[in-house]
């Protein structure tokens, strides 16, 4: 694989060869140990410039879907559909969590191993030129996240002895793993 790097200054980019990304070796703690997950969320200089896994913010997905739903023109709807990951990283880097932010997110109870709710999504492209030209995947994803978060709120309140819920989803929970 050839990656173009311009780290040496304002000169034209020059090709720099990096070894192909290799998955972590299988082990009993692979993806059970949070450190193995954090490693996949961060670039590794000399090996890979872009992390193989990125987590999208659930509030960003829900907000983007609401904007798409409210769009009145075809042009605006097209601007709001979910683009390829590479384009999204360039256009809206704030849509993604950094590895440090993921490490700081709240976790579940200690007796359950401090879990973190993550929704992993892999989908085929709807057309040859765009992964989600009509925004259907984005809308389905936002609905699934809202439903899961509402269920999580109701379940946690019921566990505390109160079934009343205002339906407000918890904030700052990761929602989607995006792989390159």
C-alpha atoms as a PDB file:
ATOM      1  CA  UNK A   1       0.000   0.000   0.000  1.00  0.00           C
ATOM      2  CA  UNK A   2       1.272   3.488  -0.749  1.00  0.00           C
ATOM      3  CA  UNK A   3       0.354   6.386   1.519  1.00  0.00           C
ATOM      4  CA  UNK A   4       1.139   9.959   0.534  1.00  0.00           C
ATOM      5  CA  UNK A   5       2.708  11.923   3.348  1.00  0.00           C
ATOM      6  CA  UNK A   6       3.478  15.632   3.498  1.00  0.00           C
ATOM      7  CA  UNK A   7       5.030  15.662   6.950  1.00  0.00           C
ATOM      8  CA  UNK A   8       8.364  17.092   5.758  1.00  0.00           C
ATOM      9  CA  UNK A   9       6.950  20.526   4.940  1.00  0.00           C
ATOM     10  CA  UNK A  10       5.253  22.355   2.093  1.00  0.00           C
ATOM     11  CA  UNK A  11       6.811  20.186  -0.630  1.00  0.00           C
ATOM     12  CA  UNK A  12       4.689  18.036  -2.941  1.00  0.00           C
ATOM     13  CA  UNK A  13       3.563  14.772  -1.348  1.00  0.00           C
ATOM     14  CA  UNK A  14       5.939  11.868  -1.741  1.00  0.00           C
ATOM     15  CA  UNK A  15       4.955   8.212  -1.596  1.00  0.00           C
ATOM     16  CA  UNK A  16       5.807   6.458   1.641  1.00  0.00           C
ATOM     17  CA  UNK A  17       5.387   2.717   1.919  1.00  0.00           C
ATOM     18  CA  UNK A  18       3.766   1.312   5.022  1.00  0.00           C
ATOM     19  CA  UNK A  19       3.275  -2.309   5.774  1.00  0.00           C
ATOM     20  CA  UNK A  20      -0.228  -3.566   5.363  1.00  0.00           C
ATOM     21  CA  UNK A  21      -2.362  -3.396   8.518  1.00  0.00           C
ATOM     22  CA  UNK A  22      -2.346  -6.712  10.291  1.00  0.00           C
ATOM     23  CA  UNK A  23      -4.949  -7.635  12.912  1.00  0.00           C
ATOM     24  CA  UNK A  24      -3.840  -8.210  16.456  1.00  0.00           C
ATOM     25  CA  UNK A  25      -2.896 -11.830  17.132  1.00  0.00           C
ATOM     26  CA  UNK A  26      -5.726 -13.950  18.462  1.00  0.00           C
ATOM     27  CA  UNK A  27      -5.668 -14.251  22.211  1.00  0.00           C
ATOM     28  CA  UNK A  28      -8.155 -15.075  24.972  1.00  0.00           C
ATOM     29  CA  UNK A  29      -8.371 -11.359  25.827  1.00  0.00           C
ATOM     30  CA  UNK A  30      -8.768 -10.057  22.265  1.00  0.00           C
ATOM     31  CA  UNK A  31     -11.553  -7.472  22.400  1.00  0.00           C
ATOM     32  CA  UNK A  32     -12.328  -8.483  25.983  1.00  0.00           C
ATOM     33  CA  UNK A  33      -9.403  -6.455  27.261  1.00  0.00           C
ATOM     34  CA  UNK A  34     -10.231  -2.772  26.638  1.00  0.00           C
ATOM     35  CA  UNK A  35      -6.600  -2.045  25.712  1.00  0.00           C
ATOM     36  CA  UNK A  36      -6.882  -4.237  22.590  1.00  0.00           C
ATOM     37  CA  UNK A  37      -9.885  -2.177  21.502  1.00  0.00           C
ATOM     38  CA  UNK A  38      -8.194   1.156  22.238  1.00  0.00           C
ATOM     39  CA  UNK A  39      -5.234   0.080  20.080  1.00  0.00           C
ATOM     40  CA  UNK A  40      -7.588  -0.365  17.120  1.00  0.00           C
ATOM     41  CA  UNK A  41      -8.983   3.157  17.647  1.00  0.00           C
ATOM     42  CA  UNK A  42      -5.649   4.941  17.323  1.00  0.00           C
ATOM     43  CA  UNK A  43      -3.236   5.564  14.460  1.00  0.00           C
ATOM     44  CA  UNK A  44       0.166   3.943  14.834  1.00  0.00           C
ATOM     45  CA  UNK A  45       2.982   6.007  13.280  1.00  0.00           C
ATOM     46  CA  UNK A  46       5.051   3.935  10.892  1.00  0.00           C
ATOM     47  CA  UNK A  47       2.378   1.261  10.614  1.00  0.00           C
ATOM     48  CA  UNK A  48      -0.893   3.024   9.837  1.00  0.00           C
ATOM     49  CA  UNK A  49      -1.912   6.664   9.585  1.00  0.00           C
ATOM     50  CA  UNK A  50      -5.637   6.013   9.986  1.00  0.00           C
ATOM     51  CA  UNK A  51      -7.121   3.759  12.685  1.00  0.00           C
ATOM     52  CA  UNK A  52      -8.852   0.667  11.269  1.00  0.00           C
ATOM     53  CA  UNK A  53     -11.817   1.208  13.619  1.00  0.00           C
ATOM     54  CA  UNK A  54     -13.592   4.492  14.358  1.00  0.00           C
ATOM     55  CA  UNK A  55     -16.594   5.095  16.604  1.00  0.00           C
ATOM     56  CA  UNK A  56     -19.218   7.586  15.521  1.00  0.00           C
ATOM     57  CA  UNK A  57     -20.962   9.670  18.143  1.00  0.00           C
ATOM     58  CA  UNK A  58     -24.574   8.610  18.618  1.00  0.00           C
ATOM     59  CA  UNK A  59     -25.684  12.217  19.101  1.00  0.00           C
ATOM     60  CA  UNK A  60     -24.086  13.118  15.752  1.00  0.00           C
ATOM     61  CA  UNK A  61     -25.938  10.299  13.955  1.00  0.00           C
ATOM     62  CA  UNK A  62     -29.278  11.198  15.547  1.00  0.00           C
ATOM     63  CA  UNK A  63     -28.807  14.897  14.786  1.00  0.00           C
ATOM     64  CA  UNK A  64     -27.762  14.211  11.196  1.00  0.00           C
ATOM     65  CA  UNK A  65     -30.811  11.981  10.658  1.00  0.00           C
ATOM     66  CA  UNK A  66     -33.107  14.698  12.081  1.00  0.00           C
ATOM     67  CA  UNK A  67     -31.572  17.236   9.695  1.00  0.00           C
ATOM     68  CA  UNK A  68     -32.041  14.804   6.801  1.00  0.00           C
ATOM     69  CA  UNK A  69     -35.665  14.230   7.789  1.00  0.00           C
ATOM     70  CA  UNK A  70     -36.290  18.005   7.880  1.00  0.00           C
ATOM     71  CA  UNK A  71     -34.499  18.784   4.591  1.00  0.00           C
ATOM     72  CA  UNK A  72     -36.823  20.262   1.987  1.00  0.00           C
ATOM     73  CA  UNK A  73     -34.680  20.017  -1.139  1.00  0.00           C
ATOM     74  CA  UNK A  74     -33.159  17.027  -2.896  1.00  0.00           C
ATOM     75  CA  UNK A  75     -29.799  18.808  -2.935  1.00  0.00           C
ATOM     76  CA  UNK A  76     -29.850  19.346   0.839  1.00  0.00           C
ATOM     77  CA  UNK A  77     -30.923  15.721   1.451  1.00  0.00           C
ATOM     78  CA  UNK A  78     -27.993  14.521  -0.673  1.00  0.00           C
ATOM     79  CA  UNK A  79     -25.575  16.702   1.359  1.00  0.00           C
ATOM     80  CA  UNK A  80     -26.838  15.112   4.592  1.00  0.00           C
ATOM     81  CA  UNK A  81     -26.679  11.443   3.620  1.00  0.00           C
ATOM     82  CA  UNK A  82     -24.026   9.322   5.267  1.00  0.00           C
ATOM     83  CA  UNK A  83     -20.897   9.491   3.080  1.00  0.00           C
ATOM     84  CA  UNK A  84     -17.996   7.082   2.847  1.00  0.00           C
ATOM     85  CA  UNK A  85     -15.963   6.932   6.046  1.00  0.00           C
ATOM     86  CA  UNK A  86     -12.940   8.545   4.372  1.00  0.00           C
ATOM     87  CA  UNK A  87     -15.047  11.536   3.281  1.00  0.00           C
ATOM     88  CA  UNK A  88     -16.694  11.849   6.671  1.00  0.00           C
ATOM     89  CA  UNK A  89     -13.298  11.869   8.406  1.00  0.00           C
ATOM     90  CA  UNK A  90     -12.277  14.830   6.233  1.00  0.00           C
ATOM     91  CA  UNK A  91     -15.573  16.747   6.225  1.00  0.00           C
ATOM     92  CA  UNK A  92     -16.699  16.216   9.824  1.00  0.00           C
ATOM     93  CA  UNK A  93     -13.941  14.824  12.035  1.00  0.00           C
ATOM     94  CA  UNK A  94     -15.969  15.844  15.110  1.00  0.00           C
ATOM     95  CA  UNK A  95     -18.427  13.048  14.256  1.00  0.00           C
ATOM     96  CA  UNK A  96     -15.889  10.508  15.567  1.00  0.00           C
ATOM     97  CA  UNK A  97     -14.632   9.747  19.050  1.00  0.00           C
ATOM     98  CA  UNK A  98     -10.901   9.761  19.644  1.00  0.00           C
ATOM     99  CA  UNK A  99      -9.371   6.793  21.481  1.00  0.00           C
ATOM    100  CA  UNK A 100      -8.848   9.059  24.514  1.00  0.00           C
ATOM    101  CA  UNK A 101     -12.528  10.069  24.530  1.00  0.00           C
ATOM    102  CA  UNK A 102     -13.619   6.434  24.342  1.00  0.00           C
ATOM    103  CA  UNK A 103     -11.380   5.609  27.316  1.00  0.00           C
ATOM    104  CA  UNK A 104     -13.087   8.380  29.328  1.00  0.00           C
ATOM    105  CA  UNK A 105     -16.680   7.282  28.577  1.00  0.00           C
ATOM    106  CA  UNK A 106     -18.809   5.932  31.442  1.00  0.00           C
ATOM    107  CA  UNK A 107     -19.014   2.176  31.780  1.00  0.00           C
ATOM    108  CA  UNK A 108     -21.557  -0.250  33.132  1.00  0.00           C
ATOM    109  CA  UNK A 109     -21.469  -1.887  36.557  1.00  0.00           C
ATOM    110  CA  UNK A 110     -18.323  -3.447  37.974  1.00  0.00           C
ATOM    111  CA  UNK A 111     -20.009  -6.831  38.524  1.00  0.00           C
ATOM    112  CA  UNK A 112     -20.644  -7.003  34.777  1.00  0.00           C
ATOM    113  CA  UNK A 113     -17.032  -6.189  33.876  1.00  0.00           C
ATOM    114  CA  UNK A 114     -17.539  -2.463  33.214  1.00  0.00           C
ATOM    115  CA  UNK A 115     -19.171  -2.927  29.789  1.00  0.00           C
ATOM    116  CA  UNK A 116     -19.687  -0.148  27.263  1.00  0.00           C
ATOM    117  CA  UNK A 117     -22.644  -0.217  24.875  1.00  0.00           C
ATOM    118  CA  UNK A 118     -21.419  -0.194  21.279  1.00  0.00           C
ATOM    119  CA  UNK A 119     -23.470  -0.828  18.158  1.00  0.00           C
ATOM    120  CA  UNK A 120     -21.403  -2.343  15.340  1.00  0.00           C
ATOM    121  CA  UNK A 121     -22.681  -1.824  11.827  1.00  0.00           C
ATOM    122  CA  UNK A 122     -21.540  -3.182   8.509  1.00  0.00           C
ATOM    123  CA  UNK A 123     -23.689  -2.634   5.452  1.00  0.00           C
ATOM    124  CA  UNK A 124     -23.456  -2.984   1.715  1.00  0.00           C
ATOM    125  CA  UNK A 125     -23.489   0.081  -0.481  1.00  0.00           C
ATOM    126  CA  UNK A 126     -26.875   0.897  -1.952  1.00  0.00           C
ATOM    127  CA  UNK A 127     -25.348   2.094  -5.225  1.00  0.00           C
ATOM    128  CA  UNK A 128     -22.033   1.830  -6.976  1.00  0.00           C
ATOM    129  CA  UNK A 129     -21.210   5.510  -6.407  1.00  0.00           C
ATOM    130  CA  UNK A 130     -22.511   6.095  -2.873  1.00  0.00           C
ATOM    131  CA  UNK A 131     -23.031   3.942   0.234  1.00  0.00           C
ATOM    132  CA  UNK A 132     -26.331   5.582   1.229  1.00  0.00           C
ATOM    133  CA  UNK A 133     -27.623   7.849  -1.573  1.00  0.00           C
ATOM    134  CA  UNK A 134     -31.121   8.278  -0.120  1.00  0.00           C
ATOM    135  CA  UNK A 135     -30.146   8.313   3.556  1.00  0.00           C
ATOM    136  CA  UNK A 136     -32.056   5.137   4.397  1.00  0.00           C
ATOM    137  CA  UNK A 137     -29.150   3.546   6.270  1.00  0.00           C
ATOM    138  CA  UNK A 138     -28.613   6.710   8.298  1.00  0.00           C
ATOM    139  CA  UNK A 139     -32.317   6.874   9.210  1.00  0.00           C
ATOM    140  CA  UNK A 140     -32.435   3.175  10.215  1.00  0.00           C
ATOM    141  CA  UNK A 141     -29.262   3.555  12.255  1.00  0.00           C
ATOM    142  CA  UNK A 142     -30.579   6.638  14.096  1.00  0.00           C
ATOM    143  CA  UNK A 143     -33.838   4.815  14.852  1.00  0.00           C
ATOM    144  CA  UNK A 144     -31.967   1.740  16.168  1.00  0.00           C
ATOM    145  CA  UNK A 145     -29.764   3.912  18.398  1.00  0.00           C
ATOM    146  CA  UNK A 146     -32.697   5.886  19.789  1.00  0.00           C
ATOM    147  CA  UNK A 147     -34.622   2.680  20.461  1.00  0.00           C
ATOM    148  CA  UNK A 148     -31.638   1.029  22.182  1.00  0.00           C
ATOM    149  CA  UNK A 149     -30.904   4.123  24.283  1.00  0.00           C
ATOM    150  CA  UNK A 150     -34.546   4.469  25.321  1.00  0.00           C
ATOM    151  CA  UNK A 151     -34.620   0.778  26.290  1.00  0.00           C
ATOM    152  CA  UNK A 152     -31.365   1.253  28.230  1.00  0.00           C
ATOM    153  CA  UNK A 153     -32.866   4.193  30.163  1.00  0.00           C
ATOM    154  CA  UNK A 154     -36.071   2.285  30.962  1.00  0.00           C
ATOM    155  CA  UNK A 155     -34.138  -0.832  31.984  1.00  0.00           C
ATOM    156  CA  UNK A 156     -31.718   1.042  34.242  1.00  0.00           C
ATOM    157  CA  UNK A 157     -34.537   2.993  35.888  1.00  0.00           C
ATOM    158  CA  UNK A 158     -36.536  -0.191  36.441  1.00  0.00           C
ATOM    159  CA  UNK A 159     -33.490  -1.815  38.029  1.00  0.00           C
ATOM    160  CA  UNK A 160     -33.323   1.099  40.474  1.00  0.00           C
ATOM    161  CA  UNK A 161     -36.965   0.564  41.427  1.00  0.00           C
ATOM    162  CA  UNK A 162     -38.562   3.236  39.266  1.00  0.00           C
ATOM    163  CA  UNK A 163     -40.269   2.522  35.967  1.00  0.00           C
ATOM    164  CA  UNK A 164     -40.908   6.150  35.121  1.00  0.00           C
ATOM    165  CA  UNK A 165     -38.924   7.327  32.136  1.00  0.00           C
ATOM    166  CA  UNK A 166     -39.001  10.566  30.255  1.00  0.00           C
ATOM    167  CA  UNK A 167     -37.615   8.660  27.258  1.00  0.00           C
ATOM    168  CA  UNK A 168     -34.517  10.847  27.093  1.00  0.00           C
ATOM    169  CA  UNK A 169     -31.637   8.774  25.768  1.00  0.00           C
ATOM    170  CA  UNK A 170     -28.357   8.891  27.666  1.00  0.00           C
ATOM    171  CA  UNK A 171     -25.748  11.186  26.128  1.00  0.00           C
ATOM    172  CA  UNK A 172     -22.165  10.541  25.141  1.00  0.00           C
ATOM    173  CA  UNK A 173     -22.467   6.867  24.333  1.00  0.00           C
ATOM    174  CA  UNK A 174     -20.660   5.495  21.301  1.00  0.00           C
ATOM    175  CA  UNK A 175     -22.931   4.169  18.652  1.00  0.00           C
ATOM    176  CA  UNK A 176     -21.178   2.784  15.683  1.00  0.00           C
ATOM    177  CA  UNK A 177     -17.972   1.088  14.771  1.00  0.00           C
ATOM    178  CA  UNK A 178     -16.875   2.102  11.307  1.00  0.00           C
ATOM    179  CA  UNK A 179     -14.181   0.080   9.642  1.00  0.00           C
ATOM    180  CA  UNK A 180     -12.198   1.083   6.607  1.00  0.00           C
END
